[in-house]
Amino acid sequence: MGFFNKLIGSVKAATAVEYGLVLALIFIGAIFAIGAVADKTSILWNRVGDEATQAMARNS
């Protein structure tokens, strides 16, 4: 038990936890940002594909 008591009171452990929380928040934000960009990109490429199909149909 002495090890855990030292760890809980340690400034280094608190700093490591804080860095871990900051990294977790950055990671979660990045996941949401990538998801938002992926949705917009998917919509864009679907539109490009539809317009290309229509253009080829008009020229046939």
N, C-alpha and C. Protein backbone atom coordinates (compact mmCIF):
# COMPACT_ATOMS: atom_id res chain seq x y z
N MET A 1 0.81 -1.20 0.00
CA MET A 1 0.00 0.00 0.00
C MET A 1 0.85 1.26 0.00
N GLY A 2 2.05 1.19 0.51
CA GLY A 2 2.90 2.36 0.58
C GLY A 2 3.20 2.93 -0.79
N PHE A 3 3.35 2.05 -1.78
CA PHE A 3 3.65 2.49 -3.15
C PHE A 3 2.50 3.33 -3.70
N PHE A 4 1.27 2.86 -3.50
CA PHE A 4 0.11 3.58 -4.03
C PHE A 4 -0.10 4.91 -3.32
N ASN A 5 0.18 4.96 -2.03
CA ASN A 5 0.07 6.22 -1.31
C ASN A 5 1.08 7.24 -1.82
N LYS A 6 2.30 6.77 -2.11
CA LYS A 6 3.31 7.66 -2.69
C LYS A 6 2.89 8.13 -4.07
N LEU A 7 2.31 7.21 -4.85
CA LEU A 7 1.90 7.53 -6.21
C LEU A 7 0.78 8.56 -6.22
N ILE A 8 -0.18 8.41 -5.32
CA ILE A 8 -1.31 9.33 -5.26
C ILE A 8 -0.83 10.73 -4.87
N GLY A 9 0.12 10.82 -3.97
CA GLY A 9 0.62 12.11 -3.52
C GLY A 9 1.71 12.69 -4.41
N SER A 10 2.12 11.98 -5.41
CA SER A 10 3.23 12.41 -6.25
C SER A 10 2.79 13.48 -7.24
N VAL A 11 3.60 14.50 -7.37
CA VAL A 11 3.34 15.56 -8.35
C VAL A 11 3.55 15.02 -9.76
N LYS A 12 4.52 14.14 -9.93
CA LYS A 12 4.78 13.56 -11.25
C LYS A 12 3.58 12.76 -11.73
N ALA A 13 2.94 12.03 -10.83
CA ALA A 13 1.77 11.25 -11.21
C ALA A 13 0.63 12.18 -11.62
N ALA A 14 0.44 13.26 -10.88
CA ALA A 14 -0.62 14.21 -11.21
C ALA A 14 -0.35 14.85 -12.56
N THR A 15 0.89 15.19 -12.83
CA THR A 15 1.25 15.77 -14.12
C THR A 15 1.01 14.78 -15.25
N ALA A 16 1.35 13.53 -15.03
CA ALA A 16 1.14 12.50 -16.05
C ALA A 16 -0.35 12.33 -16.34
N VAL A 17 -1.16 12.37 -15.30
CA VAL A 17 -2.62 12.26 -15.49
C VAL A 17 -3.13 13.46 -16.27
N GLU A 18 -2.66 14.64 -15.94
CA GLU A 18 -3.09 15.85 -16.66
C GLU A 18 -2.71 15.77 -18.14
N TYR A 19 -1.50 15.35 -18.42
CA TYR A 19 -1.08 15.19 -19.82
C TYR A 19 -1.93 14.14 -20.52
N GLY A 20 -2.25 13.08 -19.83
CA GLY A 20 -3.10 12.04 -20.40
C GLY A 20 -4.48 12.57 -20.74
N LEU A 21 -5.05 13.38 -19.86
CA LEU A 21 -6.37 13.97 -20.12
C LEU A 21 -6.33 14.94 -21.29
N VAL A 22 -5.28 15.74 -21.36
CA VAL A 22 -5.14 16.67 -22.48
C VAL A 22 -5.03 15.90 -23.79
N LEU A 23 -4.23 14.86 -23.81
CA LEU A 23 -4.08 14.05 -25.03
C LEU A 23 -5.40 13.38 -25.40
N ALA A 24 -6.15 12.92 -24.42
CA ALA A 24 -7.44 12.30 -24.70
C ALA A 24 -8.40 13.30 -25.32
N LEU A 25 -8.43 14.52 -24.80
CA LEU A 25 -9.30 15.56 -25.37
C LEU A 25 -8.89 15.92 -26.79
N ILE A 26 -7.60 16.01 -27.04
CA ILE A 26 -7.11 16.30 -28.40
C ILE A 26 -7.51 15.17 -29.34
N PHE A 27 -7.36 13.93 -28.90
CA PHE A 27 -7.71 12.78 -29.72
C PHE A 27 -9.21 12.77 -30.03
N ILE A 28 -10.03 13.03 -29.04
CA ILE A 28 -11.49 13.05 -29.27
C ILE A 28 -11.85 14.17 -30.24
N GLY A 29 -11.25 15.34 -30.08
CA GLY A 29 -11.50 16.44 -31.00
C GLY A 29 -11.08 16.10 -32.42
N ALA A 30 -9.95 15.43 -32.56
CA ALA A 30 -9.48 15.04 -33.89
C ALA A 30 -10.43 14.05 -34.54
N ILE A 31 -10.94 13.11 -33.77
CA ILE A 31 -11.88 12.13 -34.30
C ILE A 31 -13.14 12.83 -34.81
N PHE A 32 -13.68 13.76 -34.04
CA PHE A 32 -14.87 14.49 -34.48
C PHE A 32 -14.58 15.33 -35.72
N ALA A 33 -13.42 15.97 -35.77
CA ALA A 33 -13.06 16.79 -36.93
C ALA A 33 -12.91 15.93 -38.18
N ILE A 34 -12.26 14.79 -38.05
CA ILE A 34 -12.10 13.89 -39.20
C ILE A 34 -13.45 13.39 -39.67
N GLY A 35 -14.33 13.08 -38.73
CA GLY A 35 -15.68 12.63 -39.10
C GLY A 35 -16.45 13.70 -39.85
N ALA A 36 -16.34 14.95 -39.42
CA ALA A 36 -17.05 16.04 -40.09
C ALA A 36 -16.50 16.26 -41.49
N VAL A 37 -15.19 16.22 -41.64
CA VAL A 37 -14.57 16.40 -42.95
C VAL A 37 -14.92 15.23 -43.87
N ALA A 38 -14.95 14.03 -43.32
CA ALA A 38 -15.28 12.85 -44.13
C ALA A 38 -16.70 12.95 -44.68
N ASP A 39 -17.64 13.42 -43.87
CA ASP A 39 -19.01 13.58 -44.34
C ASP A 39 -19.08 14.58 -45.49
N LYS A 40 -18.42 15.72 -45.32
CA LYS A 40 -18.44 16.74 -46.37
C LYS A 40 -17.77 16.23 -47.64
N THR A 41 -16.67 15.52 -47.49
CA THR A 41 -15.95 14.99 -48.65
C THR A 41 -16.78 13.95 -49.38
N SER A 42 -17.46 13.12 -48.64
CA SER A 42 -18.32 12.09 -49.23
C SER A 42 -19.44 12.74 -50.05
N ILE A 43 -20.05 13.77 -49.50
CA ILE A 43 -21.12 14.49 -50.21
C ILE A 43 -20.56 15.11 -51.49
N LEU A 44 -19.38 15.72 -51.40
CA LEU A 44 -18.75 16.35 -52.55
C LEU A 44 -18.49 15.34 -53.66
N TRP A 45 -17.89 14.19 -53.32
CA TRP A 45 -17.56 13.20 -54.34
C TRP A 45 -18.82 12.56 -54.93
N ASN A 46 -19.86 12.40 -54.13
CA ASN A 46 -21.13 11.90 -54.68
C ASN A 46 -21.70 12.88 -55.70
N ARG A 47 -21.61 14.17 -55.40
CA ARG A 47 -22.11 15.19 -56.33
C ARG A 47 -21.28 15.19 -57.61
N VAL A 48 -19.97 15.11 -57.48
CA VAL A 48 -19.10 15.07 -58.66
C VAL A 48 -19.43 13.86 -59.52
N GLY A 49 -19.62 12.71 -58.89
CA GLY A 49 -19.97 11.50 -59.64
C GLY A 49 -21.30 11.63 -60.36
N ASP A 50 -22.29 12.20 -59.69
CA ASP A 50 -23.60 12.39 -60.31
C ASP A 50 -23.52 13.33 -61.50
N GLU A 51 -22.80 14.43 -61.34
CA GLU A 51 -22.68 15.39 -62.44
C GLU A 51 -21.89 14.81 -63.60
N ALA A 52 -20.86 14.03 -63.32
CA ALA A 52 -20.09 13.39 -64.39
C ALA A 52 -20.97 12.40 -65.15
N THR A 53 -21.79 11.64 -64.43
CA THR A 53 -22.69 10.68 -65.07
C THR A 53 -23.70 11.41 -65.96
N GLN A 54 -24.25 12.51 -65.46
CA GLN A 54 -25.21 13.29 -66.25
C GLN A 54 -24.55 13.89 -67.48
N ALA A 55 -23.33 14.38 -67.34
CA ALA A 55 -22.62 14.98 -68.47
C ALA A 55 -22.33 13.93 -69.54
N MET A 56 -21.94 12.73 -69.13
CA MET A 56 -21.67 11.67 -70.10
C MET A 56 -22.96 11.21 -70.78
N ALA A 57 -24.07 11.22 -70.05
CA ALA A 57 -25.35 10.82 -70.64
C ALA A 57 -25.81 11.83 -71.68
N ARG A 58 -25.56 13.11 -71.44
CA ARG A 58 -25.96 14.15 -72.40
C ARG A 58 -25.13 14.07 -73.68
N ASN A 59 -23.88 13.66 -73.57
CA ASN A 59 -22.98 13.62 -74.72
C ASN A 59 -23.08 12.31 -75.51
N SER A 60 -23.86 11.37 -75.04
CA SER A 60 -23.96 10.08 -75.74
C SER A 60 -24.83 10.17 -76.96
